[in-house]
Amino acid sequence: MSHILIVEDDRDIAELLQRYLTRAGHLTDARGDGGEALAFVRSRVPDLVILDLMLPDLDGFDICRMMKNDTRYSAIPIIMLTAKTQETDKVAGLEMGADDYLTKPFSPRELVARVKAVLRRTAP
């Protein structure tokens, strides 16, 4: 059973993700801003992070950069889930280390499938 951290400031989306991921057999925790997310990662390293880019304090790009630049957390896969649909945003996210990039609106079932695929690829 994988432990997934959802970093999403929209409570409805976070709850939807938790519901679908829990049904798929994952443990989930949700945080609504970047500072809380980083504190959580430092205290309990998740198996995967689903990361919104537009957050109230640190943006998702900053969080991704901080995690990927720290050897303790750099191996944690990140799926960016965001309303930013520009190709430049997608390329930037993937180049800074995100393992996948999904735009809103999204299909929860597709997201669960992408989570499974990323976990399969990154499993030890």
PDB file of N, CA and C in Angstrom:
ATOM      1  N   MET A   1       0.848  -1.174   0.000  1.00  0.00           N
ATOM      2  CA  MET A   1       0.000   0.000   0.000  1.00  0.00           C
ATOM      3  C   MET A   1       0.895   1.239   0.000  1.00  0.00           C
ATOM      4  N   SER A   2       0.692   2.096  -0.982  1.00  0.00           N
ATOM      5  CA  SER A   2       1.501   3.301  -1.129  1.00  0.00           C
ATOM      6  C   SER A   2       0.885   4.462  -0.357  1.00  0.00           C
ATOM      7  N   HIS A   3       1.761   5.338   0.117  1.00  0.00           N
ATOM      8  CA  HIS A   3       1.324   6.524   0.827  1.00  0.00           C
ATOM      9  C   HIS A   3       1.507   7.732  -0.090  1.00  0.00           C
ATOM     10  N   ILE A   4       0.413   8.435  -0.374  1.00  0.00           N
ATOM     11  CA  ILE A   4       0.433   9.535  -1.326  1.00  0.00           C
ATOM     12  C   ILE A   4       0.080  10.840  -0.627  1.00  0.00           C
ATOM     13  N   LEU A   5       0.911  11.850  -0.861  1.00  0.00           N
ATOM     14  CA  LEU A   5       0.639  13.191  -0.360  1.00  0.00           C
ATOM     15  C   LEU A   5       0.010  14.003  -1.478  1.00  0.00           C
ATOM     16  N   ILE A   6      -1.144  14.584  -1.198  1.00  0.00           N
ATOM     17  CA  ILE A   6      -1.845  15.449  -2.138  1.00  0.00           C
ATOM     18  C   ILE A   6      -1.631  16.889  -1.677  1.00  0.00           C
ATOM     19  N   VAL A   7      -1.052  17.702  -2.536  1.00  0.00           N
ATOM     20  CA  VAL A   7      -0.817  19.107  -2.215  1.00  0.00           C
ATOM     21  C   VAL A   7      -1.737  19.914  -3.132  1.00  0.00           C
ATOM     22  N   GLU A   8      -2.863  20.333  -2.566  1.00  0.00           N
ATOM     23  CA  GLU A   8      -3.929  20.972  -3.350  1.00  0.00           C
ATOM     24  C   GLU A   8      -4.690  21.922  -2.452  1.00  0.00           C
ATOM     25  N   ASP A   9      -4.798  23.196  -2.866  1.00  0.00           N
ATOM     26  CA  ASP A   9      -5.493  24.174  -2.030  1.00  0.00           C
ATOM     27  C   ASP A   9      -7.008  24.169  -2.225  1.00  0.00           C
ATOM     28  N   ASP A  10      -7.494  23.535  -3.266  1.00  0.00           N
ATOM     29  CA  ASP A  10      -8.941  23.420  -3.473  1.00  0.00           C
ATOM     30  C   ASP A  10      -9.426  22.185  -2.716  1.00  0.00           C
ATOM     31  N   ARG A  11     -10.146  22.413  -1.630  1.00  0.00           N
ATOM     32  CA  ARG A  11     -10.579  21.327  -0.748  1.00  0.00           C
ATOM     33  C   ARG A  11     -11.410  20.267  -1.478  1.00  0.00           C
ATOM     34  N   ASP A  12     -12.291  20.686  -2.392  1.00  0.00           N
ATOM     35  CA  ASP A  12     -13.123  19.732  -3.125  1.00  0.00           C
ATOM     36  C   ASP A  12     -12.279  18.798  -3.991  1.00  0.00           C
ATOM     37  N   ILE A  13     -11.286  19.360  -4.664  1.00  0.00           N
ATOM     38  CA  ILE A  13     -10.409  18.523  -5.497  1.00  0.00           C
ATOM     39  C   ILE A  13      -9.592  17.587  -4.619  1.00  0.00           C
ATOM     40  N   ALA A  14      -9.073  18.087  -3.504  1.00  0.00           N
ATOM     41  CA  ALA A  14      -8.293  17.244  -2.595  1.00  0.00           C
ATOM     42  C   ALA A  14      -9.127  16.078  -2.083  1.00  0.00           C
ATOM     43  N   GLU A  15     -10.376  16.349  -1.705  1.00  0.00           N
ATOM     44  CA  GLU A  15     -11.255  15.280  -1.212  1.00  0.00           C
ATOM     45  C   GLU A  15     -11.588  14.278  -2.315  1.00  0.00           C
ATOM     46  N   LEU A  16     -11.818  14.761  -3.528  1.00  0.00           N
ATOM     47  CA  LEU A  16     -12.074  13.865  -4.661  1.00  0.00           C
ATOM     48  C   LEU A  16     -10.880  12.948  -4.897  1.00  0.00           C
ATOM     49  N   LEU A  17      -9.682  13.521  -4.892  1.00  0.00           N
ATOM     50  CA  LEU A  17      -8.469  12.718  -5.080  1.00  0.00           C
ATOM     51  C   LEU A  17      -8.314  11.694  -3.965  1.00  0.00           C
ATOM     52  N   GLN A  18      -8.538  12.113  -2.734  1.00  0.00           N
ATOM     53  CA  GLN A  18      -8.415  11.177  -1.621  1.00  0.00           C
ATOM     54  C   GLN A  18      -9.398  10.027  -1.760  1.00  0.00           C
ATOM     55  N   ARG A  19     -10.606  10.327  -2.158  1.00  0.00           N
ATOM     56  CA  ARG A  19     -11.629   9.287  -2.307  1.00  0.00           C
ATOM     57  C   ARG A  19     -11.214   8.259  -3.361  1.00  0.00           C
ATOM     58  N   TYR A  20     -10.796   8.731  -4.535  1.00  0.00           N
ATOM     59  CA  TYR A  20     -10.413   7.809  -5.613  1.00  0.00           C
ATOM     60  C   TYR A  20      -9.147   7.020  -5.276  1.00  0.00           C
ATOM     61  N   LEU A  21      -8.170   7.685  -4.691  1.00  0.00           N
ATOM     62  CA  LEU A  21      -6.920   7.005  -4.363  1.00  0.00           C
ATOM     63  C   LEU A  21      -7.107   6.002  -3.226  1.00  0.00           C
ATOM     64  N   THR A  22      -7.946   6.329  -2.261  1.00  0.00           N
ATOM     65  CA  THR A  22      -8.237   5.393  -1.176  1.00  0.00           C
ATOM     66  C   THR A  22      -8.937   4.154  -1.721  1.00  0.00           C
ATOM     67  N   ARG A  23      -9.892   4.365  -2.610  1.00  0.00           N
ATOM     68  CA  ARG A  23     -10.572   3.223  -3.247  1.00  0.00           C
ATOM     69  C   ARG A  23      -9.605   2.343  -4.022  1.00  0.00           C
ATOM     70  N   ALA A  24      -8.549   2.950  -4.549  1.00  0.00           N
ATOM     71  CA  ALA A  24      -7.547   2.195  -5.303  1.00  0.00           C
ATOM     72  C   ALA A  24      -6.522   1.526  -4.385  1.00  0.00           C
ATOM     73  N   GLY A  25      -6.693   1.684  -3.062  1.00  0.00           N
ATOM     74  CA  GLY A  25      -5.832   0.981  -2.116  1.00  0.00           C
ATOM     75  C   GLY A  25      -4.657   1.765  -1.582  1.00  0.00           C
ATOM     76  N   HIS A  26      -4.657   3.076  -1.757  1.00  0.00           N
ATOM     77  CA  HIS A  26      -3.558   3.901  -1.282  1.00  0.00           C
ATOM     78  C   HIS A  26      -3.937   4.611   0.019  1.00  0.00           C
ATOM     79  N   LEU A  27      -2.933   4.895   0.831  1.00  0.00           N
ATOM     80  CA  LEU A  27      -3.105   5.785   1.980  1.00  0.00           C
ATOM     81  C   LEU A  27      -2.869   7.197   1.473  1.00  0.00           C
ATOM     82  N   THR A  28      -3.655   8.161   1.958  1.00  0.00           N
ATOM     83  CA  THR A  28      -3.479   9.531   1.485  1.00  0.00           C
ATOM     84  C   THR A  28      -3.454  10.521   2.638  1.00  0.00           C
ATOM     85  N   ASP A  29      -2.753  11.611   2.405  1.00  0.00           N
ATOM     86  CA  ASP A  29      -2.790  12.781   3.265  1.00  0.00           C
ATOM     87  C   ASP A  29      -2.872  13.973   2.331  1.00  0.00           C
ATOM     88  N   ALA A  30      -3.538  15.027   2.775  1.00  0.00           N
ATOM     89  CA  ALA A  30      -3.660  16.225   1.955  1.00  0.00           C
ATOM     90  C   ALA A  30      -3.182  17.439   2.724  1.00  0.00           C
ATOM     91  N   ARG A  31      -2.522  18.333   2.020  1.00  0.00           N
ATOM     92  CA  ARG A  31      -2.075  19.604   2.567  1.00  0.00           C
ATOM     93  C   ARG A  31      -2.465  20.697   1.589  1.00  0.00           C
ATOM     94  N   GLY A  32      -2.834  21.871   2.140  1.00  0.00           N
ATOM     95  CA  GLY A  32      -3.366  22.943   1.316  1.00  0.00           C
ATOM     96  C   GLY A  32      -2.382  24.015   0.900  1.00  0.00           C
ATOM     97  N   ASP A  33      -1.148  23.948   1.406  1.00  0.00           N
ATOM     98  CA  ASP A  33      -0.158  24.928   0.962  1.00  0.00           C
ATOM     99  C   ASP A  33       1.238  24.309   0.975  1.00  0.00           C
ATOM    100  N   GLY A  34       2.158  25.009   0.352  1.00  0.00           N
ATOM    101  CA  GLY A  34       3.503  24.484   0.167  1.00  0.00           C
ATOM    102  C   GLY A  34       4.283  24.289   1.445  1.00  0.00           C
ATOM    103  N   GLY A  35       4.154  25.230   2.393  1.00  0.00           N
ATOM    104  CA  GLY A  35       4.867  25.100   3.658  1.00  0.00           C
ATOM    105  C   GLY A  35       4.445  23.861   4.420  1.00  0.00           C
ATOM    106  N   GLU A  36       3.127  23.632   4.478  1.00  0.00           N
ATOM    107  CA  GLU A  36       2.612  22.422   5.143  1.00  0.00           C
ATOM    108  C   GLU A  36       3.095  21.169   4.425  1.00  0.00           C
ATOM    109  N   ALA A  37       3.123  21.215   3.103  1.00  0.00           N
ATOM    110  CA  ALA A  37       3.555  20.053   2.318  1.00  0.00           C
ATOM    111  C   ALA A  37       5.013  19.707   2.604  1.00  0.00           C
ATOM    112  N   LEU A  38       5.873  20.720   2.600  1.00  0.00           N
ATOM    113  CA  LEU A  38       7.294  20.463   2.874  1.00  0.00           C
ATOM    114  C   LEU A  38       7.505  19.949   4.289  1.00  0.00           C
ATOM    115  N   ALA A  39       6.781  20.499   5.251  1.00  0.00           N
ATOM    116  CA  ALA A  39       6.885  20.013   6.630  1.00  0.00           C
ATOM    117  C   ALA A  39       6.451  18.554   6.710  1.00  0.00           C
ATOM    118  N   PHE A  40       5.396  18.203   5.986  1.00  0.00           N
ATOM    119  CA  PHE A  40       4.919  16.827   5.986  1.00  0.00           C
ATOM    120  C   PHE A  40       5.974  15.895   5.380  1.00  0.00           C
ATOM    121  N   VAL A  41       6.539  16.283   4.246  1.00  0.00           N
ATOM    122  CA  VAL A  41       7.547  15.446   3.577  1.00  0.00           C
ATOM    123  C   VAL A  41       8.735  15.217   4.500  1.00  0.00           C
ATOM    124  N   ARG A  42       9.112  16.226   5.249  1.00  0.00           N
ATOM    125  CA  ARG A  42      10.256  16.102   6.166  1.00  0.00           C
ATOM    126  C   ARG A  42       9.947  15.176   7.343  1.00  0.00           C
ATOM    127  N   SER A  43       8.679  15.116   7.738  1.00  0.00           N
ATOM    128  CA  SER A  43       8.333  14.299   8.899  1.00  0.00           C
ATOM    129  C   SER A  43       7.938  12.873   8.529  1.00  0.00           C
ATOM    130  N   ARG A  44       7.353  12.700   7.385  1.00  0.00           N
ATOM    131  CA  ARG A  44       6.919  11.367   6.950  1.00  0.00           C
ATOM    132  C   ARG A  44       7.017  11.298   5.433  1.00  0.00           C
ATOM    133  N   VAL A  45       8.058  10.690   4.942  1.00  0.00           N
ATOM    134  CA  VAL A  45       8.338  10.673   3.512  1.00  0.00           C
ATOM    135  C   VAL A  45       7.283   9.838   2.775  1.00  0.00           C
ATOM    136  N   PRO A  46       6.515  10.473   1.876  1.00  0.00           N
ATOM    137  CA  PRO A  46       5.495   9.723   1.128  1.00  0.00           C
ATOM    138  C   PRO A  46       6.121   8.946  -0.029  1.00  0.00           C
ATOM    139  N   ASP A  47       5.344   8.037  -0.599  1.00  0.00           N
ATOM    140  CA  ASP A  47       5.801   7.270  -1.760  1.00  0.00           C
ATOM    141  C   ASP A  47       5.630   8.056  -3.057  1.00  0.00           C
ATOM    142  N   LEU A  48       4.724   9.054  -3.046  1.00  0.00           N
ATOM    143  CA  LEU A  48       4.448   9.849  -4.233  1.00  0.00           C
ATOM    144  C   LEU A  48       3.765  11.139  -3.788  1.00  0.00           C
ATOM    145  N   VAL A  49       3.985  12.217  -4.552  1.00  0.00           N
ATOM    146  CA  VAL A  49       3.338  13.492  -4.274  1.00  0.00           C
ATOM    147  C   VAL A  49       2.540  13.912  -5.503  1.00  0.00           C
ATOM    148  N   ILE A  50       1.277  14.273  -5.287  1.00  0.00           N
ATOM    149  CA  ILE A  50       0.467  14.907  -6.325  1.00  0.00           C
ATOM    150  C   ILE A  50       0.478  16.386  -5.976  1.00  0.00           C
ATOM    151  N   LEU A  51       0.973  17.208  -6.901  1.00  0.00           N
ATOM    152  CA  LEU A  51       1.327  18.587  -6.579  1.00  0.00           C
ATOM    153  C   LEU A  51       0.640  19.588  -7.497  1.00  0.00           C
ATOM    154  N   ASP A  52      -0.203  20.431  -6.900  1.00  0.00           N
ATOM    155  CA  ASP A  52      -0.774  21.566  -7.627  1.00  0.00           C
ATOM    156  C   ASP A  52       0.324  22.614  -7.770  1.00  0.00           C
ATOM    157  N   LEU A  53       0.274  23.404  -8.829  1.00  0.00           N
ATOM    158  CA  LEU A  53       1.300  24.426  -9.019  1.00  0.00           C
ATOM    159  C   LEU A  53       0.929  25.762  -8.402  1.00  0.00           C
ATOM    160  N   MET A  54      -0.345  26.102  -8.431  1.00  0.00           N
ATOM    161  CA  MET A  54      -0.775  27.409  -7.932  1.00  0.00           C
ATOM    162  C   MET A  54      -1.292  27.258  -6.506  1.00  0.00           C
ATOM    163  N   LEU A  55      -0.393  27.514  -5.557  1.00  0.00           N
ATOM    164  CA  LEU A  55      -0.691  27.381  -4.136  1.00  0.00           C
ATOM    165  C   LEU A  55      -0.571  28.739  -3.456  1.00  0.00           C
ATOM    166  N   PRO A  56      -1.172  28.896  -2.274  1.00  0.00           N
ATOM    167  CA  PRO A  56      -1.178  30.214  -1.627  1.00  0.00           C
ATOM    168  C   PRO A  56       0.181  30.753  -1.187  1.00  0.00           C
ATOM    169  N   ASP A  57       1.125  29.906  -0.852  1.00  0.00           N
ATOM    170  CA  ASP A  57       2.421  30.439  -0.407  1.00  0.00           C
ATOM    171  C   ASP A  57       3.508  30.089  -1.417  1.00  0.00           C
ATOM    172  N   LEU A  58       4.168  28.991  -1.259  1.00  0.00           N
ATOM    173  CA  LEU A  58       5.141  28.518  -2.249  1.00  0.00           C
ATOM    174  C   LEU A  58       4.383  27.925  -3.422  1.00  0.00           C
ATOM    175  N   ASP A  59       4.845  28.168  -4.644  1.00  0.00           N
ATOM    176  CA  ASP A  59       4.154  27.508  -5.746  1.00  0.00           C
ATOM    177  C   ASP A  59       4.729  26.103  -5.949  1.00  0.00           C
ATOM    178  N   GLY A  60       4.020  25.317  -6.713  1.00  0.00           N
ATOM    179  CA  GLY A  60       4.416  23.927  -6.923  1.00  0.00           C
ATOM    180  C   GLY A  60       5.780  23.778  -7.566  1.00  0.00           C
ATOM    181  N   PHE A  61       6.155  24.720  -8.448  1.00  0.00           N
ATOM    182  CA  PHE A  61       7.486  24.660  -9.045  1.00  0.00           C
ATOM    183  C   PHE A  61       8.559  24.773  -7.966  1.00  0.00           C
ATOM    184  N   ASP A  62       8.354  25.683  -6.997  1.00  0.00           N
ATOM    185  CA  ASP A  62       9.328  25.839  -5.907  1.00  0.00           C
ATOM    186  C   ASP A  62       9.418  24.571  -5.064  1.00  0.00           C
ATOM    187  N   ILE A  63       8.281  23.987  -4.754  1.00  0.00           N
ATOM    188  CA  ILE A  63       8.267  22.760  -3.951  1.00  0.00           C
ATOM    189  C   ILE A  63       8.986  21.636  -4.690  1.00  0.00           C
ATOM    190  N   CYS A  64       8.679  21.486  -5.962  1.00  0.00           N
ATOM    191  CA  CYS A  64       9.340  20.449  -6.768  1.00  0.00           C
ATOM    192  C   CYS A  64      10.845  20.673  -6.779  1.00  0.00           C
ATOM    193  N   ARG A  65      11.252  21.901  -7.022  1.00  0.00           N
ATOM    194  CA  ARG A  65      12.686  22.221  -7.075  1.00  0.00           C
ATOM    195  C   ARG A  65      13.367  21.895  -5.742  1.00  0.00           C
ATOM    196  N   MET A  66      12.731  22.286  -4.637  1.00  0.00           N
ATOM    197  CA  MET A  66      13.316  22.022  -3.316  1.00  0.00           C
ATOM    198  C   MET A  66      13.444  20.522  -3.060  1.00  0.00           C
ATOM    199  N   MET A  67      12.407  19.767  -3.413  1.00  0.00           N
ATOM    200  CA  MET A  67      12.453  18.322  -3.188  1.00  0.00           C
ATOM    201  C   MET A  67      13.507  17.655  -4.065  1.00  0.00           C
ATOM    202  N   LYS A  68      13.569  18.037  -5.324  1.00  0.00           N
ATOM    203  CA  LYS A  68      14.502  17.394  -6.252  1.00  0.00           C
ATOM    204  C   LYS A  68      15.952  17.777  -5.977  1.00  0.00           C
ATOM    205  N   ASN A  69      16.172  18.912  -5.295  1.00  0.00           N
ATOM    206  CA  ASN A  69      17.537  19.339  -4.960  1.00  0.00           C
ATOM    207  C   ASN A  69      18.015  18.800  -3.619  1.00  0.00           C
ATOM    208  N   ASP A  70      17.173  18.064  -2.920  1.00  0.00           N
ATOM    209  CA  ASP A  70      17.525  17.500  -1.618  1.00  0.00           C
ATOM    210  C   ASP A  70      17.603  15.977  -1.769  1.00  0.00           C
ATOM    211  N   THR A  71      18.771  15.420  -1.549  1.00  0.00           N
ATOM    212  CA  THR A  71      18.963  13.985  -1.781  1.00  0.00           C
ATOM    213  C   THR A  71      18.044  13.103  -0.939  1.00  0.00           C
ATOM    214  N   ARG A  72      17.569  13.626   0.191  1.00  0.00           N
ATOM    215  CA  ARG A  72      16.657  12.832   1.023  1.00  0.00           C
ATOM    216  C   ARG A  72      15.302  12.636   0.351  1.00  0.00           C
ATOM    217  N   TYR A  73      14.920  13.563  -0.526  1.00  0.00           N
ATOM    218  CA  TYR A  73      13.574  13.528  -1.104  1.00  0.00           C
ATOM    219  C   TYR A  73      13.567  13.468  -2.632  1.00  0.00           C
ATOM    220  N   SER A  74      14.721  13.511  -3.245  1.00  0.00           N
ATOM    221  CA  SER A  74      14.782  13.617  -4.707  1.00  0.00           C
ATOM    222  C   SER A  74      14.213  12.406  -5.436  1.00  0.00           C
ATOM    223  N   ALA A  75      14.174  11.254  -4.784  1.00  0.00           N
ATOM    224  CA  ALA A  75      13.652  10.054  -5.446  1.00  0.00           C
ATOM    225  C   ALA A  75      12.133   9.939  -5.344  1.00  0.00           C
ATOM    226  N   ILE A  76      11.487  10.805  -4.579  1.00  0.00           N
ATOM    227  CA  ILE A  76      10.028  10.748  -4.444  1.00  0.00           C
ATOM    228  C   ILE A  76       9.404  11.201  -5.761  1.00  0.00           C
ATOM    229  N   PRO A  77       8.601  10.347  -6.390  1.00  0.00           N
ATOM    230  CA  PRO A  77       7.968  10.760  -7.642  1.00  0.00           C
ATOM    231  C   PRO A  77       6.928  11.853  -7.403  1.00  0.00           C
ATOM    232  N   ILE A  78       6.831  12.758  -8.376  1.00  0.00           N
ATOM    233  CA  ILE A  78       5.886  13.871  -8.309  1.00  0.00           C
ATOM    234  C   ILE A  78       5.038  13.884  -9.570  1.00  0.00           C
ATOM    235  N   ILE A  79       3.729  13.968  -9.369  1.00  0.00           N
ATOM    236  CA  ILE A  79       2.804  14.196 -10.471  1.00  0.00           C
ATOM    237  C   ILE A  79       2.237  15.593 -10.288  1.00  0.00           C
ATOM    238  N   MET A  80       2.482  16.462 -11.253  1.00  0.00           N
ATOM    239  CA  MET A  80       1.926  17.804 -11.194  1.00  0.00           C
ATOM    240  C   MET A  80       0.501  17.766 -11.726  1.00  0.00           C
ATOM    241  N   LEU A  81      -0.406  18.358 -10.968  1.00  0.00           N
ATOM    242  CA  LEU A  81      -1.824  18.419 -11.338  1.00  0.00           C
ATOM    243  C   LEU A  81      -2.224  19.884 -11.250  1.00  0.00           C
ATOM    244  N   THR A  82      -2.480  20.501 -12.395  1.00  0.00           N
ATOM    245  CA  THR A  82      -2.618  21.952 -12.396  1.00  0.00           C
ATOM    246  C   THR A  82      -3.508  22.472 -13.511  1.00  0.00           C
ATOM    247  N   ALA A  83      -3.959  23.692 -13.335  1.00  0.00           N
ATOM    248  CA  ALA A  83      -4.725  24.376 -14.373  1.00  0.00           C
ATOM    249  C   ALA A  83      -3.804  25.029 -15.404  1.00  0.00           C
ATOM    250  N   LYS A  84      -2.512  25.011 -15.150  1.00  0.00           N
ATOM    251  CA  LYS A  84      -1.555  25.602 -16.100  1.00  0.00           C
ATOM    252  C   LYS A  84      -1.401  24.672 -17.294  1.00  0.00           C
ATOM    253  N   THR A  85      -1.943  25.103 -18.431  1.00  0.00           N
ATOM    254  CA  THR A  85      -2.002  24.233 -19.605  1.00  0.00           C
ATOM    255  C   THR A  85      -0.999  24.599 -20.693  1.00  0.00           C
ATOM    256  N   GLN A  86      -0.236  25.660 -20.493  1.00  0.00           N
ATOM    257  CA  GLN A  86       0.720  26.083 -21.519  1.00  0.00           C
ATOM    258  C   GLN A  86       1.846  25.058 -21.658  1.00  0.00           C
ATOM    259  N   GLU A  87       2.281  24.868 -22.879  1.00  0.00           N
ATOM    260  CA  GLU A  87       3.370  23.931 -23.139  1.00  0.00           C
ATOM    261  C   GLU A  87       4.612  24.304 -22.340  1.00  0.00           C
ATOM    262  N   THR A  88       4.888  25.596 -22.199  1.00  0.00           N
ATOM    263  CA  THR A  88       6.083  26.013 -21.454  1.00  0.00           C
ATOM    264  C   THR A  88       6.013  25.575 -19.988  1.00  0.00           C
ATOM    265  N   ASP A  89       4.804  25.614 -19.394  1.00  0.00           N
ATOM    266  CA  ASP A  89       4.648  25.156 -18.013  1.00  0.00           C
ATOM    267  C   ASP A  89       4.867  23.658 -17.908  1.00  0.00           C
ATOM    268  N   LYS A  90       4.304  22.913 -18.853  1.00  0.00           N
ATOM    269  CA  LYS A  90       4.471  21.454 -18.848  1.00  0.00           C
ATOM    270  C   LYS A  90       5.938  21.084 -18.984  1.00  0.00           C
ATOM    271  N   VAL A  91       6.611  21.704 -19.942  1.00  0.00           N
ATOM    272  CA  VAL A  91       8.031  21.414 -20.164  1.00  0.00           C
ATOM    273  C   VAL A  91       8.852  21.785 -18.924  1.00  0.00           C
ATOM    274  N   ALA A  92       8.565  22.951 -18.336  1.00  0.00           N
ATOM    275  CA  ALA A  92       9.301  23.380 -17.146  1.00  0.00           C
ATOM    276  C   ALA A  92       9.113  22.384 -16.010  1.00  0.00           C
ATOM    277  N   GLY A  93       7.880  21.931 -15.794  1.00  0.00           N
ATOM    278  CA  GLY A  93       7.609  20.971 -14.731  1.00  0.00           C
ATOM    279  C   GLY A  93       8.345  19.661 -14.928  1.00  0.00           C
ATOM    280  N   LEU A  94       8.294  19.156 -16.137  1.00  0.00           N
ATOM    281  CA  LEU A  94       8.968  17.882 -16.420  1.00  0.00           C
ATOM    282  C   LEU A  94      10.488  18.026 -16.358  1.00  0.00           C
ATOM    283  N   GLU A  95      11.005  19.155 -16.839  1.00  0.00           N
ATOM    284  CA  GLU A  95      12.458  19.352 -16.810  1.00  0.00           C
ATOM    285  C   GLU A  95      12.995  19.529 -15.393  1.00  0.00           C
ATOM    286  N   MET A  96      12.173  20.058 -14.479  1.00  0.00           N
ATOM    287  CA  MET A  96      12.676  20.232 -13.112  1.00  0.00           C
ATOM    288  C   MET A  96      12.517  18.967 -12.284  1.00  0.00           C
ATOM    289  N   GLY A  97      11.935  17.904 -12.876  1.00  0.00           N
ATOM    290  CA  GLY A  97      11.933  16.624 -12.188  1.00  0.00           C
ATOM    291  C   GLY A  97      10.590  15.965 -11.977  1.00  0.00           C
ATOM    292  N   ALA A  98       9.487  16.605 -12.381  1.00  0.00           N
ATOM    293  CA  ALA A  98       8.190  15.943 -12.230  1.00  0.00           C
ATOM    294  C   ALA A  98       8.167  14.682 -13.086  1.00  0.00           C
ATOM    295  N   ASP A  99       7.509  13.656 -12.578  1.00  0.00           N
ATOM    296  CA  ASP A  99       7.432  12.392 -13.296  1.00  0.00           C
ATOM    297  C   ASP A  99       6.251  12.350 -14.257  1.00  0.00           C
ATOM    298  N   ASP A 100       5.281  13.209 -14.039  1.00  0.00           N
ATOM    299  CA  ASP A 100       4.123  13.294 -14.922  1.00  0.00           C
ATOM    300  C   ASP A 100       3.479  14.654 -14.710  1.00  0.00           C
ATOM    301  N   TYR A 101       2.638  15.058 -15.650  1.00  0.00           N
ATOM    302  CA  TYR A 101       2.002  16.373 -15.614  1.00  0.00           C
ATOM    303  C   TYR A 101       0.599  16.199 -16.169  1.00  0.00           C
ATOM    304  N   LEU A 102      -0.393  16.525 -15.372  1.00  0.00           N
ATOM    305  CA  LEU A 102      -1.789  16.365 -15.773  1.00  0.00           C
ATOM    306  C   LEU A 102      -2.489  17.701 -15.556  1.00  0.00           C
ATOM    307  N   THR A 103      -3.283  18.117 -16.548  1.00  0.00           N
ATOM    308  CA  THR A 103      -3.951  19.411 -16.442  1.00  0.00           C
ATOM    309  C   THR A 103      -5.404  19.258 -15.999  1.00  0.00           C
ATOM    310  N   LYS A 104      -5.892  20.306 -15.327  1.00  0.00           N
ATOM    311  CA  LYS A 104      -7.286  20.384 -14.904  1.00  0.00           C
ATOM    312  C   LYS A 104      -8.078  21.022 -16.031  1.00  0.00           C
ATOM    313  N   PRO A 105      -9.304  20.631 -16.247  1.00  0.00           N
ATOM    314  CA  PRO A 105     -10.005  19.549 -15.568  1.00  0.00           C
ATOM    315  C   PRO A 105      -9.395  18.201 -15.944  1.00  0.00           C
ATOM    316  N   PHE A 106      -9.555  17.225 -15.065  1.00  0.00           N
ATOM    317  CA  PHE A 106      -8.930  15.920 -15.251  1.00  0.00           C
ATOM    318  C   PHE A 106      -9.927  14.828 -14.906  1.00  0.00           C
ATOM    319  N   SER A 107      -9.614  13.627 -15.343  1.00  0.00           N
ATOM    320  CA  SER A 107     -10.401  12.456 -14.990  1.00  0.00           C
ATOM    321  C   SER A 107      -9.752  11.805 -13.770  1.00  0.00           C
ATOM    322  N   PRO A 108     -10.488  11.650 -12.676  1.00  0.00           N
ATOM    323  CA  PRO A 108      -9.902  10.993 -11.501  1.00  0.00           C
ATOM    324  C   PRO A 108      -9.416   9.574 -11.817  1.00  0.00           C
ATOM    325  N   ARG A 109     -10.130   8.876 -12.662  1.00  0.00           N
ATOM    326  CA  ARG A 109      -9.702   7.512 -13.024  1.00  0.00           C
ATOM    327  C   ARG A 109      -8.385   7.540 -13.787  1.00  0.00           C
ATOM    328  N   GLU A 110      -8.208   8.522 -14.656  1.00  0.00           N
ATOM    329  CA  GLU A 110      -6.941   8.649 -15.380  1.00  0.00           C
ATOM    330  C   GLU A 110      -5.815   8.972 -14.398  1.00  0.00           C
ATOM    331  N   LEU A 111      -6.082   9.838 -13.447  1.00  0.00           N
ATOM    332  CA  LEU A 111      -5.065  10.174 -12.459  1.00  0.00           C
ATOM    333  C   LEU A 111      -4.647   8.935 -11.671  1.00  0.00           C
ATOM    334  N   VAL A 112      -5.605   8.129 -11.245  1.00  0.00           N
ATOM    335  CA  VAL A 112      -5.279   6.894 -10.509  1.00  0.00           C
ATOM    336  C   VAL A 112      -4.422   5.983 -11.382  1.00  0.00           C
ATOM    337  N   ALA A 113      -4.743   5.884 -12.671  1.00  0.00           N
ATOM    338  CA  ALA A 113      -3.941   5.057 -13.581  1.00  0.00           C
ATOM    339  C   ALA A 113      -2.523   5.611 -13.714  1.00  0.00           C
ATOM    340  N   ARG A 114      -2.401   6.918 -13.767  1.00  0.00           N
ATOM    341  CA  ARG A 114      -1.066   7.530 -13.862  1.00  0.00           C
ATOM    342  C   ARG A 114      -0.272   7.310 -12.569  1.00  0.00           C
ATOM    343  N   VAL A 115      -0.944   7.384 -11.428  1.00  0.00           N
ATOM    344  CA  VAL A 115      -0.290   7.098 -10.151  1.00  0.00           C
ATOM    345  C   VAL A 115       0.256   5.676 -10.163  1.00  0.00           C
ATOM    346  N   LYS A 116      -0.564   4.730 -10.581  1.00  0.00           N
ATOM    347  CA  LYS A 116      -0.109   3.331 -10.646  1.00  0.00           C
ATOM    348  C   LYS A 116       1.089   3.193 -11.570  1.00  0.00           C
ATOM    349  N   ALA A 117       1.036   3.847 -12.734  1.00  0.00           N
ATOM    350  CA  ALA A 117       2.135   3.744 -13.697  1.00  0.00           C
ATOM    351  C   ALA A 117       3.423   4.338 -13.129  1.00  0.00           C
ATOM    352  N   VAL A 118       3.335   5.508 -12.502  1.00  0.00           N
ATOM    353  CA  VAL A 118       4.527   6.147 -11.942  1.00  0.00           C
ATOM    354  C   VAL A 118       5.100   5.296 -10.813  1.00  0.00           C
ATOM    355  N   LEU A 119       4.244   4.782  -9.944  1.00  0.00           N
ATOM    356  CA  LEU A 119       4.724   3.933  -8.850  1.00  0.00           C
ATOM    357  C   LEU A 119       5.366   2.660  -9.387  1.00  0.00           C
ATOM    358  N   ARG A 120       4.815   2.109 -10.442  1.00  0.00           N
ATOM    359  CA  ARG A 120       5.378   0.901 -11.050  1.00  0.00           C
ATOM    360  C   ARG A 120       6.766   1.194 -11.605  1.00  0.00           C
ATOM    361  N   ARG A 121       6.912   2.342 -12.267  1.00  0.00           N
ATOM    362  CA  ARG A 121       8.212   2.717 -12.861  1.00  0.00           C
ATOM    363  C   ARG A 121       9.249   3.049 -11.822  1.00  0.00           C
ATOM    364  N   THR A 122       8.827   3.584 -10.682  1.00  0.00           N
ATOM    365  CA  THR A 122       9.799   4.057  -9.686  1.00  0.00           C
ATOM    366  C   THR A 122       9.993   3.098  -8.523  1.00  0.00           C
ATOM    367  N   ALA A 123       9.299   1.966  -8.550  1.00  0.00           N
ATOM    368  CA  ALA A 123       9.441   0.990  -7.461  1.00  0.00           C
ATOM    369  C   ALA A 123      10.869   0.462  -7.415  1.00  0.00           C
ATOM    370  N   PRO A 124      11.379   0.229  -6.203  1.00  0.00           N
ATOM    371  CA  PRO A 124      12.763  -0.293  -6.105  1.00  0.00           C
ATOM    372  C   PRO A 124      12.874  -1.704  -6.659  1.00  0.00           C
TER     373      PRO A 124
END
